[in-house]
């Protein structure tokens, strides 16, 4: 199996785990969000605790890891607090598009093909469509929340690209990023949120969330960014809301609307288009 194929499998595994959050967290919605993030990330760090010696990495690598993981949750949860969840979610899903567009700026020698740009735009439009069902209204009063959501997208896209650019370190170092990010999130919880009193079922769900989307998913994503082409990996990221919606439907928590088929076609088509190597898409069709 080629490195590129391995990267796509790791990326899809991470995306599938992140897509499960909406379904898995149905029982934790009543808990304070920074408490959920803090406990989940600390549990996720346990996946690599046996290799704690590999948590020692260069300062800039460690700083990037905490910046990406804690920064993403910080901006996203504040976006949910300041803006409608649907609109904030759509704006946060700009990260795959930003990954593609920022690649040439962060990674020397990387260039964009027309297929990368079009594939990302089409994929993002499909992601927005499946989240909103074709109904989206932005309010000026919620602008701070929208900016926070865009901040989350910028953080995750830049963190992912810097992971590729910075010196290669063991994937197990992600456990250290998760631990510090979890401690920071819990610090915010104790500072600004009401006390949490999880039930036994909620503790079980926190364990699952911690080990999968807040633990193993980061390990898989780290490996995908090291092995693969960030332009192609970014295009795959648009599949996250699609898989999330399908999991909600399968669990009986949601139903597909009339725009879902079009959204699916756009996401799949955009991912396929963006996964082609640069230059594979002929340009003469633009002049037809």
Protein backbone atom coordinates (compact mmCIF):
# COMPACT_ATOMS: atom_id res chain seq x y z
CA UNK A 1 0.00 0.00 0.00
CA UNK A 2 1.40 3.41 -0.97
CA UNK A 3 1.94 6.21 1.53
CA UNK A 4 -0.81 8.17 -0.17
CA UNK A 5 -3.33 5.35 0.24
CA UNK A 6 -2.28 4.88 3.86
CA UNK A 7 -2.75 8.61 4.46
CA UNK A 8 -6.25 8.55 3.02
CA UNK A 9 -7.21 5.59 5.21
CA UNK A 10 -5.88 7.33 8.33
CA UNK A 11 -7.69 10.53 7.36
CA UNK A 12 -10.96 8.68 6.75
CA UNK A 13 -10.64 6.91 10.11
CA UNK A 14 -10.20 10.27 11.88
CA UNK A 15 -13.08 11.82 9.94
CA UNK A 16 -15.37 8.89 10.78
CA UNK A 17 -14.57 9.24 14.50
CA UNK A 18 -15.16 13.01 14.43
CA UNK A 19 -18.41 12.44 12.56
CA UNK A 20 -19.60 10.20 15.40
CA UNK A 21 -19.49 13.05 17.93
CA UNK A 22 -23.04 14.26 17.22
CA UNK A 23 -24.43 10.75 17.72
CA UNK A 24 -22.27 9.77 20.69
CA UNK A 25 -22.72 13.03 22.57
CA UNK A 26 -26.53 12.91 22.63
CA UNK A 27 -26.36 12.08 26.36
CA UNK A 28 -23.77 14.74 27.20
CA UNK A 29 -25.43 17.85 25.74
CA UNK A 30 -26.57 18.90 29.22
CA UNK A 31 -22.99 18.95 30.50
CA UNK A 32 -20.84 22.11 30.27
CA UNK A 33 -18.91 21.98 26.96
CA UNK A 34 -15.46 22.77 28.35
CA UNK A 35 -15.97 20.07 30.99
CA UNK A 36 -16.74 17.57 28.20
CA UNK A 37 -13.71 18.70 26.19
CA UNK A 38 -11.40 18.67 29.20
CA UNK A 39 -12.38 15.22 30.45
CA UNK A 40 -12.47 13.80 26.92
CA UNK A 41 -9.02 15.09 25.98
CA UNK A 42 -7.46 13.87 29.21
CA UNK A 43 -8.97 10.43 28.63
CA UNK A 44 -7.71 10.53 25.05
CA UNK A 45 -4.18 11.15 26.29
CA UNK A 46 -4.28 7.79 28.07
CA UNK A 47 -4.02 6.01 24.71
CA UNK A 48 -0.31 6.80 24.57
CA UNK A 49 0.50 6.92 28.30
CA UNK A 50 2.64 3.78 27.95
CA UNK A 51 4.87 5.76 25.57
CA UNK A 52 5.02 8.87 27.72
CA UNK A 53 8.72 9.22 26.94
CA UNK A 54 7.74 10.03 23.35
CA UNK A 55 5.73 13.03 24.54
CA UNK A 56 9.02 14.92 24.71
CA UNK A 57 9.21 16.87 21.47
CA UNK A 58 10.70 20.21 20.34
CA UNK A 59 8.95 23.20 21.89
CA UNK A 60 7.56 24.43 18.57
CA UNK A 61 6.04 21.03 17.85
CA UNK A 62 4.45 20.89 21.30
CA UNK A 63 3.19 24.47 20.98
CA UNK A 64 1.61 23.68 17.62
CA UNK A 65 -0.12 20.61 19.04
CA UNK A 66 -1.67 22.49 21.96
CA UNK A 67 -2.50 25.43 19.69
CA UNK A 68 -4.39 23.14 17.32
CA UNK A 69 -6.28 20.92 19.74
CA UNK A 70 -7.06 23.38 22.53
CA UNK A 71 -7.40 26.34 20.17
CA UNK A 72 -9.96 24.57 18.01
CA UNK A 73 -12.21 23.69 20.93
CA UNK A 74 -11.79 27.12 22.52
CA UNK A 75 -12.98 28.94 19.40
CA UNK A 76 -15.68 26.41 18.51
CA UNK A 77 -17.33 26.31 21.93
CA UNK A 78 -17.29 30.09 22.17
CA UNK A 79 -18.84 30.21 18.70
CA UNK A 80 -21.66 27.97 19.91
CA UNK A 81 -22.14 30.30 22.88
CA UNK A 82 -22.31 33.47 20.78
CA UNK A 83 -24.05 32.33 17.58
CA UNK A 84 -26.69 29.81 16.45
CA UNK A 85 -25.19 26.32 16.41
CA UNK A 86 -26.15 25.59 12.79
CA UNK A 87 -24.51 28.69 11.36
CA UNK A 88 -21.44 28.29 13.59
CA UNK A 89 -21.08 24.66 12.50
CA UNK A 90 -21.21 25.60 8.81
CA UNK A 91 -18.54 28.28 9.22
CA UNK A 92 -16.29 25.97 11.22
CA UNK A 93 -16.40 23.51 8.31
CA UNK A 94 -14.41 25.98 6.22
CA UNK A 95 -11.28 24.24 7.56
CA UNK A 96 -10.95 21.70 4.71
CA UNK A 97 -11.18 24.52 2.16
CA UNK A 98 -8.63 26.57 4.10
CA UNK A 99 -6.28 23.59 4.28
CA UNK A 100 -6.27 23.41 0.51
CA UNK A 101 -5.96 27.15 -0.12
CA UNK A 102 -3.25 27.71 2.51
CA UNK A 103 -1.09 24.75 1.44
CA UNK A 104 1.14 26.74 -0.96
CA UNK A 105 1.71 29.43 1.71
CA UNK A 106 2.69 27.04 4.51
CA UNK A 107 4.34 24.21 2.58
CA UNK A 108 7.08 25.30 0.15
CA UNK A 109 6.92 23.57 -3.21
CA UNK A 110 3.18 22.90 -3.01
CA UNK A 111 1.02 24.23 -5.80
CA UNK A 112 -2.71 24.13 -6.37
CA UNK A 113 -4.42 22.70 -9.41
CA UNK A 114 -7.81 23.89 -10.60
CA UNK A 115 -9.18 20.55 -9.41
CA UNK A 116 -8.03 21.19 -5.82
CA UNK A 117 -9.73 24.58 -5.66
CA UNK A 118 -12.95 23.54 -7.39
CA UNK A 119 -13.14 20.26 -5.48
CA UNK A 120 -12.81 22.05 -2.16
CA UNK A 121 -15.37 24.71 -3.05
CA UNK A 122 -17.90 22.14 -4.26
CA UNK A 123 -17.25 19.94 -1.21
CA UNK A 124 -17.70 22.84 1.21
CA UNK A 125 -20.92 23.89 -0.52
CA UNK A 126 -22.20 20.33 -0.14
CA UNK A 127 -21.14 20.26 3.52
CA UNK A 128 -22.99 23.53 4.16
CA UNK A 129 -26.05 22.23 2.33
CA UNK A 130 -26.31 19.02 4.34
CA UNK A 131 -25.88 20.91 7.64
CA UNK A 132 -28.45 23.61 6.84
CA UNK A 133 -30.87 21.77 4.57
CA UNK A 134 -30.66 24.76 2.25
CA UNK A 135 -31.78 27.24 4.92
CA UNK A 136 -29.17 29.57 6.32
CA UNK A 137 -29.63 33.06 7.75
CA UNK A 138 -26.77 35.06 9.20
CA UNK A 139 -27.44 37.71 11.83
CA UNK A 140 -25.19 40.72 12.46
CA UNK A 141 -25.89 40.34 16.19
CA UNK A 142 -24.16 36.95 16.11
CA UNK A 143 -21.08 38.24 14.27
CA UNK A 144 -18.71 37.61 17.24
CA UNK A 145 -19.81 33.97 17.20
CA UNK A 146 -19.31 33.72 13.45
CA UNK A 147 -15.79 35.10 13.82
CA UNK A 148 -15.10 32.54 16.55
CA UNK A 149 -16.29 29.75 14.24
CA UNK A 150 -14.02 30.99 11.46
CA UNK A 151 -11.24 31.18 14.04
CA UNK A 152 -11.76 27.49 14.81
CA UNK A 153 -11.47 26.70 11.10
CA UNK A 154 -8.27 28.74 10.74
CA UNK A 155 -6.73 27.09 13.80
CA UNK A 156 -7.42 23.54 12.63
CA UNK A 157 -6.32 24.16 9.05
CA UNK A 158 -3.08 25.87 10.09
CA UNK A 159 -2.34 23.32 12.82
CA UNK A 160 -2.74 20.50 10.30
CA UNK A 161 -0.44 22.14 7.77
CA UNK A 162 2.20 23.03 10.37
CA UNK A 163 2.15 19.38 11.49
CA UNK A 164 3.39 18.56 8.01
CA UNK A 165 6.03 21.31 8.00
CA UNK A 166 7.51 20.93 11.50
CA UNK A 167 10.08 18.23 12.37
CA UNK A 168 8.61 14.74 12.35
CA UNK A 169 7.96 13.32 15.81
CA UNK A 170 6.31 10.20 17.17
CA UNK A 171 2.54 10.07 16.77
CA UNK A 172 2.42 9.20 20.46
CA UNK A 173 3.38 12.80 21.25
CA UNK A 174 -0.24 13.69 20.48
CA UNK A 175 -1.05 12.27 23.92
CA UNK A 176 0.89 15.12 25.51
CA UNK A 177 -0.95 17.67 23.38
CA UNK A 178 -4.27 16.19 24.49
CA UNK A 179 -3.30 16.17 28.18
CA UNK A 180 -2.29 19.84 28.29
CA UNK A 181 -5.27 20.86 26.14
CA UNK A 182 -7.57 18.93 28.47
CA UNK A 183 -6.12 20.65 31.52
CA UNK A 184 -6.60 24.06 29.89
CA UNK A 185 -10.20 23.19 28.99
CA UNK A 186 -10.91 22.06 32.56
CA UNK A 187 -9.38 25.28 33.82
CA UNK A 188 -11.87 27.22 31.70
CA UNK A 189 -14.66 24.99 32.95
CA UNK A 190 -13.90 25.74 36.59
CA UNK A 191 -13.48 29.44 35.80
CA UNK A 192 -16.59 30.19 33.72
CA UNK A 193 -18.97 27.21 33.73
CA UNK A 194 -21.33 25.79 36.35
CA UNK A 195 -20.26 22.64 38.18
CA UNK A 196 -20.83 19.39 36.30
CA UNK A 197 -22.46 16.33 37.87
CA UNK A 198 -22.36 13.54 35.25
CA UNK A 199 -24.43 10.41 35.65
CA UNK A 200 -22.93 6.94 35.24
CA UNK A 201 -24.18 6.79 31.64
CA UNK A 202 -22.68 10.20 30.91
CA UNK A 203 -19.32 9.11 32.33
CA UNK A 204 -19.43 6.09 30.02
CA UNK A 205 -20.17 8.34 27.04
CA UNK A 206 -17.33 10.66 28.04
CA UNK A 207 -15.02 7.64 28.05
CA UNK A 208 -16.07 6.70 24.50
CA UNK A 209 -15.75 10.29 23.28
CA UNK A 210 -12.33 10.59 24.89
CA UNK A 211 -10.89 7.38 23.49
CA UNK A 212 -12.26 7.82 19.95
CA UNK A 213 -12.89 11.36 18.57
CA UNK A 214 -10.79 13.11 21.24
CA UNK A 215 -8.01 10.54 21.28
CA UNK A 216 -7.55 8.00 18.50
CA UNK A 217 -8.84 10.43 15.86
CA UNK A 218 -6.03 12.90 16.60
CA UNK A 219 -3.48 10.10 16.31
CA UNK A 220 -4.88 9.06 12.93
CA UNK A 221 -5.02 12.65 11.69
CA UNK A 222 -1.43 13.28 12.75
CA UNK A 223 -0.31 10.23 10.76
CA UNK A 224 -2.41 11.24 7.75
CA UNK A 225 -0.83 14.71 7.68
CA UNK A 226 2.68 13.23 7.77
CA UNK A 227 2.09 10.67 5.03
CA UNK A 228 -0.32 12.34 2.65
CA UNK A 229 -0.89 15.32 0.41
CA UNK A 230 -2.65 18.04 2.49
CA UNK A 231 -4.60 19.20 -0.56
CA UNK A 232 -6.16 15.77 -0.95
CA UNK A 233 -6.57 15.22 2.78
CA UNK A 234 -8.31 18.59 3.06
CA UNK A 235 -10.74 17.65 0.31
CA UNK A 236 -11.68 14.51 2.26
CA UNK A 237 -12.48 16.63 5.31
CA UNK A 238 -15.71 17.83 3.69
CA UNK A 239 -17.11 14.33 4.23
CA UNK A 240 -17.29 14.92 8.02
CA UNK A 241 -20.79 16.49 8.11
CA UNK A 242 -22.05 13.92 5.60
CA UNK A 243 -20.95 10.99 7.75
CA UNK A 244 -22.23 12.76 10.86
CA UNK A 245 -25.68 13.16 9.29
CA UNK A 246 -25.78 9.56 8.10
CA UNK A 247 -24.88 8.33 11.60
CA UNK A 248 -27.65 10.46 13.11
CA UNK A 249 -30.13 9.05 10.58
CA UNK A 250 -29.00 5.47 11.26
CA UNK A 251 -29.44 6.00 15.01
CA UNK A 252 -32.91 7.49 14.52
CA UNK A 253 -31.90 10.96 15.73
CA UNK A 254 -32.39 12.70 12.37
CA UNK A 255 -33.98 12.32 8.96
CA UNK A 256 -32.64 13.19 5.53
CA UNK A 257 -34.23 16.21 3.87
CA UNK A 258 -34.89 16.82 0.18
CA UNK A 259 -31.55 18.51 -0.38
CA UNK A 260 -29.52 15.60 1.04
CA UNK A 261 -29.05 13.79 -2.30
CA UNK A 262 -27.60 16.89 -3.92
CA UNK A 263 -25.37 17.51 -0.90
CA UNK A 264 -24.07 13.93 -1.00
CA UNK A 265 -23.27 14.24 -4.72
CA UNK A 266 -21.44 17.54 -4.13
CA UNK A 267 -19.37 16.20 -1.23
CA UNK A 268 -18.42 12.96 -2.97
CA UNK A 269 -17.76 14.72 -6.27
CA UNK A 270 -15.73 17.45 -4.60
CA UNK A 271 -13.62 14.92 -2.71
CA UNK A 272 -13.00 12.91 -5.88
CA UNK A 273 -12.06 16.04 -7.81
CA UNK A 274 -9.79 17.33 -5.08
CA UNK A 275 -8.02 13.99 -4.71
CA UNK A 276 -6.65 14.11 -8.25
CA UNK A 277 -2.98 15.12 -8.54
CA UNK A 278 -2.33 18.71 -9.62
CA UNK A 279 -2.57 19.17 -13.34
CA UNK A 280 -4.85 16.21 -13.97
CA UNK A 281 -7.82 18.49 -14.68
CA UNK A 282 -7.54 20.04 -18.15
CA UNK A 283 -7.83 23.81 -18.26
CA UNK A 284 -9.15 24.16 -21.79
CA UNK A 285 -12.69 23.47 -20.61
CA UNK A 286 -12.60 26.87 -18.91
CA UNK A 287 -12.25 28.51 -22.33
CA UNK A 288 -14.94 26.45 -24.04
